[in-house]
Protein backbone atom coordinates (compact mmCIF):
# COMPACT_ATOMS: atom_id res chain seq x y z
CA MET A 1 3.27 17.63 16.99
CA ILE A 2 4.52 14.28 16.30
CA SER A 3 2.61 13.59 13.55
CA MET A 4 3.65 16.54 11.64
CA THR A 5 7.44 15.77 12.81
CA TYR A 6 6.84 12.65 10.90
CA ILE A 7 5.07 13.98 7.73
CA GLN A 8 8.42 16.40 7.58
CA CYS A 9 11.08 13.79 8.41
CA ASN A 10 9.27 11.32 5.72
CA ALA A 11 9.46 13.93 3.34
CA LEU A 12 12.70 14.58 3.92
CA LEU A 13 14.19 11.26 3.50
CA SER A 14 12.10 10.65 0.59
CA CYS A 15 13.79 12.94 -1.52
CA ILE A 16 17.07 11.89 0.07
CA PHE A 17 16.67 8.81 -1.43
CA ALA A 18 15.08 10.41 -4.48
CA ASN A 19 18.44 12.80 -5.08
CA ARG A 20 20.22 9.46 -4.33
CA GLU A 21 18.32 7.39 -6.82
CA TRP A 22 18.84 10.34 -9.77
CA TYR A 23 22.34 10.17 -9.14
CA ASN A 24 22.62 6.23 -9.14
CA TYR A 25 21.23 6.58 -12.81
CA ALA A 26 23.83 9.46 -13.82
CA SER A 27 26.91 7.71 -12.37
CA GLU A 28 26.21 4.19 -13.45
CA ARG A 29 23.52 2.34 -15.98
CA LYS A 30 20.49 1.00 -13.92
CA SER A 31 17.42 -0.49 -15.23
CA LEU A 32 13.67 1.63 -13.84
CA ARG A 33 11.87 1.27 -11.01
CA VAL A 34 8.16 0.04 -12.17
CA SER A 35 5.35 -0.42 -9.59
CA ALA A 36 4.64 -3.70 -11.82
CA PRO A 37 8.32 -4.97 -12.49
CA VAL A 38 8.92 -7.08 -16.43
CA GLY A 39 12.03 -8.59 -17.64
CA LEU A 40 15.01 -6.38 -16.67
CA GLN A 41 13.05 -3.57 -14.40
CA ARG A 42 13.12 -3.42 -10.78
CA SER A 43 9.96 -2.99 -8.16
CA SER A 44 9.76 0.67 -6.89
CA TYR A 45 10.14 1.14 -3.24
CA TYR A 46 7.42 1.83 -0.22
CA ILE A 47 7.12 5.13 0.44
CA SER A 48 9.84 5.73 -1.53
CA MET A 49 12.55 4.74 1.13
CA PRO A 50 14.52 1.96 1.22
CA TRP A 51 12.45 -0.81 3.60
CA LYS A 52 16.04 -0.93 5.30
CA PHE A 53 15.50 2.71 6.63
CA ALA A 54 11.88 2.09 5.91
CA ILE A 55 10.78 -0.20 8.98
CA PRO A 56 13.38 1.25 11.52
CA PHE A 57 11.63 5.00 10.92
CA ILE A 58 8.14 3.73 11.44
CA ILE A 59 8.81 1.42 14.08
CA THR A 60 10.57 4.76 16.35
CA PHE A 61 6.92 6.94 15.57
CA ALA A 62 5.13 4.67 16.55
CA PHE A 63 6.35 3.77 19.52
CA LEU A 64 7.01 7.49 20.28
CA HIS A 65 3.30 7.87 19.40
CA TYR A 66 2.47 4.91 22.21
CA ILE A 67 4.55 6.77 24.71
CA LEU A 68 2.74 10.10 24.22
CA SER A 69 -0.22 8.13 24.73
CA GLN A 70 0.16 6.98 27.87
CA SER A 71 1.74 10.09 29.19
CA ILE A 72 -1.56 12.26 29.59
CA PHE A 73 -4.86 10.65 30.79
CA VAL A 74 -7.95 11.80 31.93
CA ILE A 75 -8.58 9.98 35.87
CA SER A 76 -13.07 10.12 36.90
CA LEU A 77 -13.47 10.84 40.89
CA GLU A 78 -17.03 9.52 42.10
CA SER A 79 -17.97 9.54 45.45
CA VAL A 80 -19.25 5.92 46.95
CA LEU A 81 -21.63 5.71 49.50
CA ALA A 82 -21.55 2.77 52.03
CA ASN A 83 -24.41 0.92 50.22
CA GLY A 84 -22.00 1.09 46.99
CA GLU A 85 -24.29 3.84 45.25
CA ILE A 86 -22.44 6.84 43.67
CA ASP A 87 -23.46 10.45 45.03
CA ARG A 88 -22.89 12.33 41.96
CA SER A 89 -23.43 15.77 44.31
CA LEU A 90 -20.70 15.26 46.54
CA TYR A 91 -17.06 15.63 44.93
CA SER A 92 -17.71 14.26 41.35
CA THR A 93 -15.22 15.69 39.33
CA THR A 94 -13.09 14.76 36.12
CA ILE A 95 -9.33 15.57 36.02
CA VAL A 96 -6.27 15.36 33.66
CA GLY A 97 -3.89 13.35 34.78
CA PHE A 98 -0.34 12.85 33.94
CA SER A 99 3.10 10.08 33.91
CA THR A 100 6.37 11.23 33.66
CA TRP A 101 8.17 8.30 32.80
CA PRO A 102 6.66 8.19 29.58
CA ILE A 103 7.34 12.21 29.10
CA ILE A 104 10.99 11.33 30.13
CA THR A 105 11.08 8.25 27.76
CA GLY A 106 9.06 10.01 24.31
CA LYS A 107 11.90 13.29 25.18
CA HIS A 108 14.78 10.75 25.41
CA GLN A 109 13.89 8.56 21.96
CA THR A 110 13.48 11.79 20.25
CA ILE A 111 16.82 13.14 21.47
CA LEU A 112 18.32 9.64 20.89
CA GLN A 113 16.66 9.95 17.22
CA LEU A 114 17.96 13.13 16.46
CA PRO A 115 21.73 12.46 15.91
CA ALA A 116 20.30 8.69 13.82
CA VAL A 117 18.44 11.16 11.35
CA SER A 118 21.88 13.16 10.88
CA TYR A 119 24.05 10.09 10.43
CA ASN A 120 21.56 9.41 7.71
CA LEU A 121 21.53 12.86 6.40
CA ARG A 122 24.74 12.59 5.96
CA SER A 123 26.13 9.51 4.47
CA CYS A 124 23.16 9.39 2.41
CA THR A 125 24.18 12.68 0.43
CA ARG A 126 26.97 12.78 -1.94
CA GLN A 127 29.21 16.08 -2.28
CA GLU A 128 30.37 15.37 -5.64
CA SER A 129 25.88 14.89 -7.22
CA ARG A 130 25.92 16.83 -10.27
CA ILE A 131 22.10 16.10 -10.31
CA LYS A 132 20.15 18.22 -7.62
CA ILE A 133 16.61 17.87 -7.50
CA LYS A 134 13.60 20.10 -5.73
CA CYS A 135 12.10 19.25 -2.52
CA GLY A 136 9.03 20.93 -2.00
CA LEU A 137 9.13 20.65 2.14
C-alpha cells in the first residue's frame, strides 16, 4: 500500500513539475534540459523533479517504509526443558505480533504528509498556464 502511494505521489509530482517546466518555456526563453549538457544546455532532473523536492520525498517514504516494517513482526515461541534442550512437542508455536508505536507514528506521518503534498501542489501549479500536459495517472 505504501509503495503504491509512493508511485502515485511520485507520478503526480513529476507531472506537475513537467507542466511547470513547459509553462516556463512558454513564458520566458530558457535552454533545453538534456542528459549530457553541452554549451548553454542544462542538465536534467533526476526522476523528473527538482532535488529540493525529491530528497525530502524519498526520505519521507523511506522512513514510512521503515516504520511499517517495525510495526508487524513474527514471534516464535518454543518450550525449553530444564537441561536446555528445546521441547518441540509442547507449546511450540509461531505467532504474529504488532507494536502500536510504529503504527501510530506512521499514521501521524501520513496525516502530516498530506498537507505538505497539497501545499506543493498549490504552490507549483499556476492558474494562468496556457499549456496543458496530459498526465497519464
